[in-house]
Amino acid sequence: MYKVKVFVTLRESVLDPQGTAVKNSLHSLSYKEVVEVRIGKFLELTIEKTDRDLDVLVKEMCERLLANTVIEDYRYEVEEVVGS
């Protein structure tokens, strides 16, 4: 089995109003050192071994459902795990 960690973030060119709101809140709590906040998503998938190419499988899932590739970028990490 594989554990796949998927990180989805807004593209740099896309405004992040939620990140701006968090940054402003941190500033109001005296964390003035914070320069920028970008909000994203983290997904953890457990995938059974398959004959299909794992990279192709994960990219398909990301591009079809997990990320909006018009405004978001994604990256992923794969870790092989022993099934229980």
PDB file of N, CA and C in Angstrom:
ATOM      1  N   MET A   1       0.850  -1.177   0.000  1.00  0.00           N
ATOM      2  CA  MET A   1       0.000   0.000   0.000  1.00  0.00           C
ATOM      3  C   MET A   1       0.894   1.238   0.000  1.00  0.00           C
ATOM      4  N   TYR A   2       0.281   2.320  -0.429  1.00  0.00           N
ATOM      5  CA  TYR A   2       0.994   3.592  -0.488  1.00  0.00           C
ATOM      6  C   TYR A   2       0.222   4.649   0.279  1.00  0.00           C
ATOM      7  N   LYS A   3       0.954   5.518   0.947  1.00  0.00           N
ATOM      8  CA  LYS A   3       0.369   6.704   1.555  1.00  0.00           C
ATOM      9  C   LYS A   3       0.826   7.873   0.681  1.00  0.00           C
ATOM     10  N   VAL A   4      -0.149   8.597   0.147  1.00  0.00           N
ATOM     11  CA  VAL A   4       0.146   9.727  -0.735  1.00  0.00           C
ATOM     12  C   VAL A   4      -0.315  10.997  -0.031  1.00  0.00           C
ATOM     13  N   LYS A   5       0.611  11.932   0.148  1.00  0.00           N
ATOM     14  CA  LYS A   5       0.298  13.222   0.748  1.00  0.00           C
ATOM     15  C   LYS A   5       0.218  14.243  -0.374  1.00  0.00           C
ATOM     16  N   VAL A   6      -0.951  14.867  -0.520  1.00  0.00           N
ATOM     17  CA  VAL A   6      -1.192  15.825  -1.592  1.00  0.00           C
ATOM     18  C   VAL A   6      -1.319  17.218  -0.974  1.00  0.00           C
ATOM     19  N   PHE A   7      -0.549  18.153  -1.517  1.00  0.00           N
ATOM     20  CA  PHE A   7      -0.567  19.542  -1.061  1.00  0.00           C
ATOM     21  C   PHE A   7      -1.105  20.402  -2.202  1.00  0.00           C
ATOM     22  N   VAL A   8      -2.202  21.111  -1.958  1.00  0.00           N
ATOM     23  CA  VAL A   8      -2.835  21.952  -2.975  1.00  0.00           C
ATOM     24  C   VAL A   8      -2.757  23.397  -2.492  1.00  0.00           C
ATOM     25  N   THR A   9      -2.236  24.279  -3.343  1.00  0.00           N
ATOM     26  CA  THR A   9      -2.111  25.691  -2.985  1.00  0.00           C
ATOM     27  C   THR A   9      -2.583  26.557  -4.142  1.00  0.00           C
ATOM     28  N   LEU A  10      -3.028  27.753  -3.799  1.00  0.00           N
ATOM     29  CA  LEU A  10      -3.392  28.707  -4.839  1.00  0.00           C
ATOM     30  C   LEU A  10      -2.142  29.107  -5.613  1.00  0.00           C
ATOM     31  N   ARG A  11      -2.294  29.310  -6.896  1.00  0.00           N
ATOM     32  CA  ARG A  11      -1.170  29.800  -7.695  1.00  0.00           C
ATOM     33  C   ARG A  11      -0.763  31.175  -7.175  1.00  0.00           C
ATOM     34  N   GLU A  12       0.507  31.505  -7.332  1.00  0.00           N
ATOM     35  CA  GLU A  12       1.023  32.784  -6.838  1.00  0.00           C
ATOM     36  C   GLU A  12       0.270  33.972  -7.438  1.00  0.00           C
ATOM     37  N   SER A  13      -0.195  33.832  -8.675  1.00  0.00           N
ATOM     38  CA  SER A  13      -0.869  34.944  -9.354  1.00  0.00           C
ATOM     39  C   SER A  13      -2.313  35.140  -8.891  1.00  0.00           C
ATOM     40  N   VAL A  14      -2.824  34.233  -8.059  1.00  0.00           N
ATOM     41  CA  VAL A  14      -4.221  34.302  -7.600  1.00  0.00           C
ATOM     42  C   VAL A  14      -4.262  34.952  -6.221  1.00  0.00           C
ATOM     43  N   LEU A  15      -5.125  35.951  -6.081  1.00  0.00           N
ATOM     44  CA  LEU A  15      -5.295  36.601  -4.781  1.00  0.00           C
ATOM     45  C   LEU A  15      -5.850  35.606  -3.770  1.00  0.00           C
ATOM     46  N   ASP A  16      -5.426  35.741  -2.524  1.00  0.00           N
ATOM     47  CA  ASP A  16      -5.852  34.837  -1.461  1.00  0.00           C
ATOM     48  C   ASP A  16      -6.496  35.655  -0.336  1.00  0.00           C
ATOM     49  N   PRO A  17      -7.777  36.005  -0.456  1.00  0.00           N
ATOM     50  CA  PRO A  17      -8.409  36.829   0.575  1.00  0.00           C
ATOM     51  C   PRO A  17      -8.457  36.149   1.944  1.00  0.00           C
ATOM     52  N   GLN A  18      -8.568  34.833   1.957  1.00  0.00           N
ATOM     53  CA  GLN A  18      -8.574  34.121   3.243  1.00  0.00           C
ATOM     54  C   GLN A  18      -7.199  34.248   3.902  1.00  0.00           C
ATOM     55  N   GLY A  19      -6.153  34.112   3.121  1.00  0.00           N
ATOM     56  CA  GLY A  19      -4.795  34.282   3.649  1.00  0.00           C
ATOM     57  C   GLY A  19      -4.571  35.689   4.167  1.00  0.00           C
ATOM     58  N   THR A  20      -5.092  36.685   3.451  1.00  0.00           N
ATOM     59  CA  THR A  20      -4.963  38.074   3.881  1.00  0.00           C
ATOM     60  C   THR A  20      -5.682  38.294   5.208  1.00  0.00           C
ATOM     61  N   ALA A  21      -6.863  37.698   5.356  1.00  0.00           N
ATOM     62  CA  ALA A  21      -7.614  37.832   6.604  1.00  0.00           C
ATOM     63  C   ALA A  21      -6.849  37.199   7.771  1.00  0.00           C
ATOM     64  N   VAL A  22      -6.237  36.048   7.535  1.00  0.00           N
ATOM     65  CA  VAL A  22      -5.453  35.393   8.593  1.00  0.00           C
ATOM     66  C   VAL A  22      -4.233  36.236   8.942  1.00  0.00           C
ATOM     67  N   LYS A  23      -3.559  36.771   7.922  1.00  0.00           N
ATOM     68  CA  LYS A  23      -2.393  37.627   8.175  1.00  0.00           C
ATOM     69  C   LYS A  23      -2.789  38.834   9.014  1.00  0.00           C
ATOM     70  N   ASN A  24      -3.901  39.486   8.658  1.00  0.00           N
ATOM     71  CA  ASN A  24      -4.356  40.649   9.423  1.00  0.00           C
ATOM     72  C   ASN A  24      -4.698  40.276  10.858  1.00  0.00           C
ATOM     73  N   SER A  25      -5.297  39.116  11.045  1.00  0.00           N
ATOM     74  CA  SER A  25      -5.613  38.649  12.406  1.00  0.00           C
ATOM     75  C   SER A  25      -4.345  38.382  13.201  1.00  0.00           C
ATOM     76  N   LEU A  26      -3.351  37.784  12.561  1.00  0.00           N
ATOM     77  CA  LEU A  26      -2.071  37.552  13.245  1.00  0.00           C
ATOM     78  C   LEU A  26      -1.416  38.872  13.630  1.00  0.00           C
ATOM     79  N   HIS A  27      -1.491  39.863  12.739  1.00  0.00           N
ATOM     80  CA  HIS A  27      -0.939  41.179  13.066  1.00  0.00           C
ATOM     81  C   HIS A  27      -1.660  41.785  14.260  1.00  0.00           C
ATOM     82  N   SER A  28      -2.985  41.620  14.315  1.00  0.00           N
ATOM     83  CA  SER A  28      -3.736  42.181  15.438  1.00  0.00           C
ATOM     84  C   SER A  28      -3.415  41.466  16.748  1.00  0.00           C
ATOM     85  N   LEU A  29      -2.875  40.267  16.647  1.00  0.00           N
ATOM     86  CA  LEU A  29      -2.441  39.519  17.837  1.00  0.00           C
ATOM     87  C   LEU A  29      -0.952  39.737  18.133  1.00  0.00           C
ATOM     88  N   SER A  30      -0.380  40.760  17.508  1.00  0.00           N
ATOM     89  CA  SER A  30       1.010  41.185  17.720  1.00  0.00           C
ATOM     90  C   SER A  30       2.045  40.289  17.043  1.00  0.00           C
ATOM     91  N   TYR A  31       1.653  39.541  16.029  1.00  0.00           N
ATOM     92  CA  TYR A  31       2.615  38.753  15.251  1.00  0.00           C
ATOM     93  C   TYR A  31       2.939  39.531  13.975  1.00  0.00           C
ATOM     94  N   LYS A  32       3.582  40.677  14.172  1.00  0.00           N
ATOM     95  CA  LYS A  32       3.865  41.593  13.065  1.00  0.00           C
ATOM     96  C   LYS A  32       4.916  41.044  12.102  1.00  0.00           C
ATOM     97  N   GLU A  33       5.649  40.012  12.513  1.00  0.00           N
ATOM     98  CA  GLU A  33       6.705  39.435  11.673  1.00  0.00           C
ATOM     99  C   GLU A  33       6.137  38.700  10.455  1.00  0.00           C
ATOM    100  N   VAL A  34       4.886  38.318  10.514  1.00  0.00           N
ATOM    101  CA  VAL A  34       4.269  37.570   9.417  1.00  0.00           C
ATOM    102  C   VAL A  34       4.097  38.494   8.221  1.00  0.00           C
ATOM    103  N   VAL A  35       4.708  38.118   7.110  1.00  0.00           N
ATOM    104  CA  VAL A  35       4.678  38.945   5.907  1.00  0.00           C
ATOM    105  C   VAL A  35       3.552  38.522   4.974  1.00  0.00           C
ATOM    106  N   GLU A  36       3.332  37.224   4.853  1.00  0.00           N
ATOM    107  CA  GLU A  36       2.306  36.732   3.935  1.00  0.00           C
ATOM    108  C   GLU A  36       1.765  35.401   4.444  1.00  0.00           C
ATOM    109  N   VAL A  37       0.493  35.163   4.194  1.00  0.00           N
ATOM    110  CA  VAL A  37      -0.144  33.889   4.511  1.00  0.00           C
ATOM    111  C   VAL A  37      -0.870  33.418   3.256  1.00  0.00           C
ATOM    112  N   ARG A  38      -0.629  32.167   2.875  1.00  0.00           N
ATOM    113  CA  ARG A  38      -1.343  31.551   1.755  1.00  0.00           C
ATOM    114  C   ARG A  38      -2.048  30.324   2.315  1.00  0.00           C
ATOM    115  N   ILE A  39      -3.328  30.199   2.054  1.00  0.00           N
ATOM    116  CA  ILE A  39      -4.128  29.085   2.553  1.00  0.00           C
ATOM    117  C   ILE A  39      -4.170  27.993   1.484  1.00  0.00           C
ATOM    118  N   GLY A  40      -4.052  26.749   1.907  1.00  0.00           N
ATOM    119  CA  GLY A  40      -4.101  25.633   0.972  1.00  0.00           C
ATOM    120  C   GLY A  40      -4.846  24.455   1.578  1.00  0.00           C
ATOM    121  N   LYS A  41      -4.713  23.323   0.911  1.00  0.00           N
ATOM    122  CA  LYS A  41      -5.361  22.092   1.378  1.00  0.00           C
ATOM    123  C   LYS A  41      -4.307  21.000   1.488  1.00  0.00           C
ATOM    124  N   PHE A  42      -4.510  20.114   2.444  1.00  0.00           N
ATOM    125  CA  PHE A  42      -3.669  18.937   2.598  1.00  0.00           C
ATOM    126  C   PHE A  42      -4.575  17.723   2.587  1.00  0.00           C
ATOM    127  N   LEU A  43      -4.266  16.759   1.731  1.00  0.00           N
ATOM    128  CA  LEU A  43      -5.054  15.528   1.659  1.00  0.00           C
ATOM    129  C   LEU A  43      -4.097  14.355   1.822  1.00  0.00           C
ATOM    130  N   GLU A  44      -4.538  13.335   2.526  1.00  0.00           N
ATOM    131  CA  GLU A  44      -3.734  12.126   2.695  1.00  0.00           C
ATOM    132  C   GLU A  44      -4.542  10.951   2.155  1.00  0.00           C
ATOM    133  N   LEU A  45      -4.007  10.289   1.154  1.00  0.00           N
ATOM    134  CA  LEU A  45      -4.681   9.161   0.516  1.00  0.00           C
ATOM    135  C   LEU A  45      -3.929   7.885   0.832  1.00  0.00           C
ATOM    136  N   THR A  46      -4.643   6.820   1.115  1.00  0.00           N
ATOM    137  CA  THR A  46      -4.053   5.495   1.226  1.00  0.00           C
ATOM    138  C   THR A  46      -4.528   4.716   0.011  1.00  0.00           C
ATOM    139  N   ILE A  47      -3.572   4.235  -0.770  1.00  0.00           N
ATOM    140  CA  ILE A  47      -3.893   3.597  -2.049  1.00  0.00           C
ATOM    141  C   ILE A  47      -3.307   2.192  -2.062  1.00  0.00           C
ATOM    142  N   GLU A  48      -4.129   1.226  -2.439  1.00  0.00           N
ATOM    143  CA  GLU A  48      -3.650  -0.152  -2.568  1.00  0.00           C
ATOM    144  C   GLU A  48      -2.718  -0.269  -3.761  1.00  0.00           C
ATOM    145  N   LYS A  49      -1.806  -1.228  -3.680  1.00  0.00           N
ATOM    146  CA  LYS A  49      -0.938  -1.492  -4.825  1.00  0.00           C
ATOM    147  C   LYS A  49      -1.795  -1.911  -6.010  1.00  0.00           C
ATOM    148  N   THR A  50      -1.387  -1.461  -7.177  1.00  0.00           N
ATOM    149  CA  THR A  50      -2.141  -1.721  -8.386  1.00  0.00           C
ATOM    150  C   THR A  50      -1.174  -1.869  -9.552  1.00  0.00           C
ATOM    151  N   ASP A  51      -1.671  -2.413 -10.644  1.00  0.00           N
ATOM    152  CA  ASP A  51      -0.853  -2.516 -11.850  1.00  0.00           C
ATOM    153  C   ASP A  51      -0.740  -1.168 -12.547  1.00  0.00           C
ATOM    154  N   ARG A  52      -1.645  -0.253 -12.225  1.00  0.00           N
ATOM    155  CA  ARG A  52      -1.610   1.077 -12.835  1.00  0.00           C
ATOM    156  C   ARG A  52      -0.420   1.864 -12.307  1.00  0.00           C
ATOM    157  N   ASP A  53       0.109   2.740 -13.130  1.00  0.00           N
ATOM    158  CA  ASP A  53       1.216   3.606 -12.726  1.00  0.00           C
ATOM    159  C   ASP A  53       0.722   4.573 -11.647  1.00  0.00           C
ATOM    160  N   LEU A  54       1.363   4.562 -10.488  1.00  0.00           N
ATOM    161  CA  LEU A  54       0.907   5.356  -9.345  1.00  0.00           C
ATOM    162  C   LEU A  54       0.953   6.853  -9.642  1.00  0.00           C
ATOM    163  N   ASP A  55       2.013   7.319 -10.293  1.00  0.00           N
ATOM    164  CA  ASP A  55       2.110   8.742 -10.624  1.00  0.00           C
ATOM    165  C   ASP A  55       0.970   9.176 -11.533  1.00  0.00           C
ATOM    166  N   VAL A  56       0.664   8.379 -12.541  1.00  0.00           N
ATOM    167  CA  VAL A  56      -0.443   8.697 -13.448  1.00  0.00           C
ATOM    168  C   VAL A  56      -1.753   8.718 -12.680  1.00  0.00           C
ATOM    169  N   LEU A  57      -1.946   7.746 -11.798  1.00  0.00           N
ATOM    170  CA  LEU A  57      -3.173   7.640 -11.008  1.00  0.00           C
ATOM    171  C   LEU A  57      -3.367   8.886 -10.132  1.00  0.00           C
ATOM    172  N   VAL A  58      -2.317   9.274  -9.411  1.00  0.00           N
ATOM    173  CA  VAL A  58      -2.417  10.428  -8.506  1.00  0.00           C
ATOM    174  C   VAL A  58      -2.627  11.716  -9.303  1.00  0.00           C
ATOM    175  N   LYS A  59      -1.902  11.884 -10.393  1.00  0.00           N
ATOM    176  CA  LYS A  59      -2.076  13.088 -11.213  1.00  0.00           C
ATOM    177  C   LYS A  59      -3.502  13.178 -11.753  1.00  0.00           C
ATOM    178  N   GLU A  60      -4.061  12.047 -12.194  1.00  0.00           N
ATOM    179  CA  GLU A  60      -5.451  12.041 -12.675  1.00  0.00           C
ATOM    180  C   GLU A  60      -6.408  12.478 -11.573  1.00  0.00           C
ATOM    181  N   MET A  61      -6.229  11.942 -10.371  1.00  0.00           N
ATOM    182  CA  MET A  61      -7.116  12.298  -9.256  1.00  0.00           C
ATOM    183  C   MET A  61      -7.006  13.778  -8.926  1.00  0.00           C
ATOM    184  N   CYS A  62      -5.787  14.282  -8.917  1.00  0.00           N
ATOM    185  CA  CYS A  62      -5.581  15.698  -8.602  1.00  0.00           C
ATOM    186  C   CYS A  62      -6.221  16.593  -9.656  1.00  0.00           C
ATOM    187  N   GLU A  63      -6.000  16.268 -10.905  1.00  0.00           N
ATOM    188  CA  GLU A  63      -6.483  17.127 -11.984  1.00  0.00           C
ATOM    189  C   GLU A  63      -7.982  16.996 -12.237  1.00  0.00           C
ATOM    190  N   ARG A  64      -8.558  15.862 -11.889  1.00  0.00           N
ATOM    191  CA  ARG A  64      -9.994  15.669 -12.118  1.00  0.00           C
ATOM    192  C   ARG A  64     -10.859  16.082 -10.930  1.00  0.00           C
ATOM    193  N   LEU A  65     -10.297  16.032  -9.703  1.00  0.00           N
ATOM    194  CA  LEU A  65     -11.131  16.278  -8.530  1.00  0.00           C
ATOM    195  C   LEU A  65     -10.460  17.080  -7.419  1.00  0.00           C
ATOM    196  N   LEU A  66      -9.250  16.742  -7.054  1.00  0.00           N
ATOM    197  CA  LEU A  66      -8.661  17.274  -5.834  1.00  0.00           C
ATOM    198  C   LEU A  66      -8.160  18.706  -5.944  1.00  0.00           C
ATOM    199  N   ALA A  67      -7.782  19.138  -7.145  1.00  0.00           N
ATOM    200  CA  ALA A  67      -7.278  20.501  -7.330  1.00  0.00           C
ATOM    201  C   ALA A  67      -7.984  21.149  -8.514  1.00  0.00           C
ATOM    202  N   ASN A  68      -8.228  22.432  -8.400  1.00  0.00           N
ATOM    203  CA  ASN A  68      -8.743  23.211  -9.521  1.00  0.00           C
ATOM    204  C   ASN A  68      -7.515  23.776 -10.237  1.00  0.00           C
ATOM    205  N   THR A  69      -7.085  23.095 -11.284  1.00  0.00           N
ATOM    206  CA  THR A  69      -5.806  23.433 -11.914  1.00  0.00           C
ATOM    207  C   THR A  69      -5.808  24.782 -12.636  1.00  0.00           C
ATOM    208  N   VAL A  70      -6.960  25.429 -12.726  1.00  0.00           N
ATOM    209  CA  VAL A  70      -6.998  26.771 -13.298  1.00  0.00           C
ATOM    210  C   VAL A  70      -6.386  27.772 -12.317  1.00  0.00           C
ATOM    211  N   ILE A  71      -6.647  27.581 -11.020  1.00  0.00           N
ATOM    212  CA  ILE A  71      -6.168  28.536 -10.013  1.00  0.00           C
ATOM    213  C   ILE A  71      -5.271  27.912  -8.947  1.00  0.00           C
ATOM    214  N   GLU A  72      -5.129  26.587  -8.959  1.00  0.00           N
ATOM    215  CA  GLU A  72      -4.349  25.916  -7.915  1.00  0.00           C
ATOM    216  C   GLU A  72      -3.216  25.084  -8.518  1.00  0.00           C
ATOM    217  N   ASP A  73      -2.148  24.988  -7.754  1.00  0.00           N
ATOM    218  CA  ASP A  73      -1.057  24.068  -8.054  1.00  0.00           C
ATOM    219  C   ASP A  73      -1.128  22.932  -7.042  1.00  0.00           C
ATOM    220  N   TYR A  74      -0.528  21.812  -7.389  1.00  0.00           N
ATOM    221  CA  TYR A  74      -0.469  20.711  -6.441  1.00  0.00           C
ATOM    222  C   TYR A  74       0.882  20.018  -6.556  1.00  0.00           C
ATOM    223  N   ARG A  75       1.225  19.380  -5.466  1.00  0.00           N
ATOM    224  CA  ARG A  75       2.395  18.497  -5.442  1.00  0.00           C
ATOM    225  C   ARG A  75       2.046  17.353  -4.509  1.00  0.00           C
ATOM    226  N   TYR A  76       2.777  16.273  -4.621  1.00  0.00           N
ATOM    227  CA  TYR A  76       2.475  15.124  -3.767  1.00  0.00           C
ATOM    228  C   TYR A  76       3.742  14.369  -3.421  1.00  0.00           C
ATOM    229  N   GLU A  77       3.654  13.638  -2.321  1.00  0.00           N
ATOM    230  CA  GLU A  77       4.734  12.775  -1.845  1.00  0.00           C
ATOM    231  C   GLU A  77       4.161  11.375  -1.682  1.00  0.00           C
ATOM    232  N   VAL A  78       4.921  10.390  -2.067  1.00  0.00           N
ATOM    233  CA  VAL A  78       4.475   8.991  -1.975  1.00  0.00           C
ATOM    234  C   VAL A  78       5.368   8.267  -0.977  1.00  0.00           C
ATOM    235  N   GLU A  79       4.742   7.500  -0.104  1.00  0.00           N
ATOM    236  CA  GLU A  79       5.453   6.689   0.885  1.00  0.00           C
ATOM    237  C   GLU A  79       4.866   5.281   0.850  1.00  0.00           C
ATOM    238  N   GLU A  80       5.704   4.308   0.702  1.00  0.00           N
ATOM    239  CA  GLU A  80       5.215   2.929   0.731  1.00  0.00           C
ATOM    240  C   GLU A  80       5.030   2.511   2.189  1.00  0.00           C
ATOM    241  N   VAL A  81       3.885   1.905   2.482  1.00  0.00           N
ATOM    242  CA  VAL A  81       3.593   1.483   3.851  1.00  0.00           C
ATOM    243  C   VAL A  81       3.181   0.016   3.858  1.00  0.00           C
ATOM    244  N   VAL A  82       3.364  -0.593   4.986  1.00  0.00           N
ATOM    245  CA  VAL A  82       2.962  -1.984   5.156  1.00  0.00           C
ATOM    246  C   VAL A  82       1.508  -2.003   5.562  1.00  0.00           C
ATOM    247  N   GLY A  83       0.692  -2.784   4.860  1.00  0.00           N
ATOM    248  CA  GLY A  83      -0.742  -2.880   5.170  1.00  0.00           C
ATOM    249  C   GLY A  83      -0.970  -3.558   6.504  1.00  0.00           C
ATOM    250  N   SER A  84      -2.095  -3.257   7.125  1.00  0.00           N
ATOM    251  CA  SER A  84      -2.402  -3.869   8.416  1.00  0.00           C
ATOM    252  C   SER A  84      -3.278  -5.076   8.277  1.00  0.00           C
TER     253      SER A  84
END
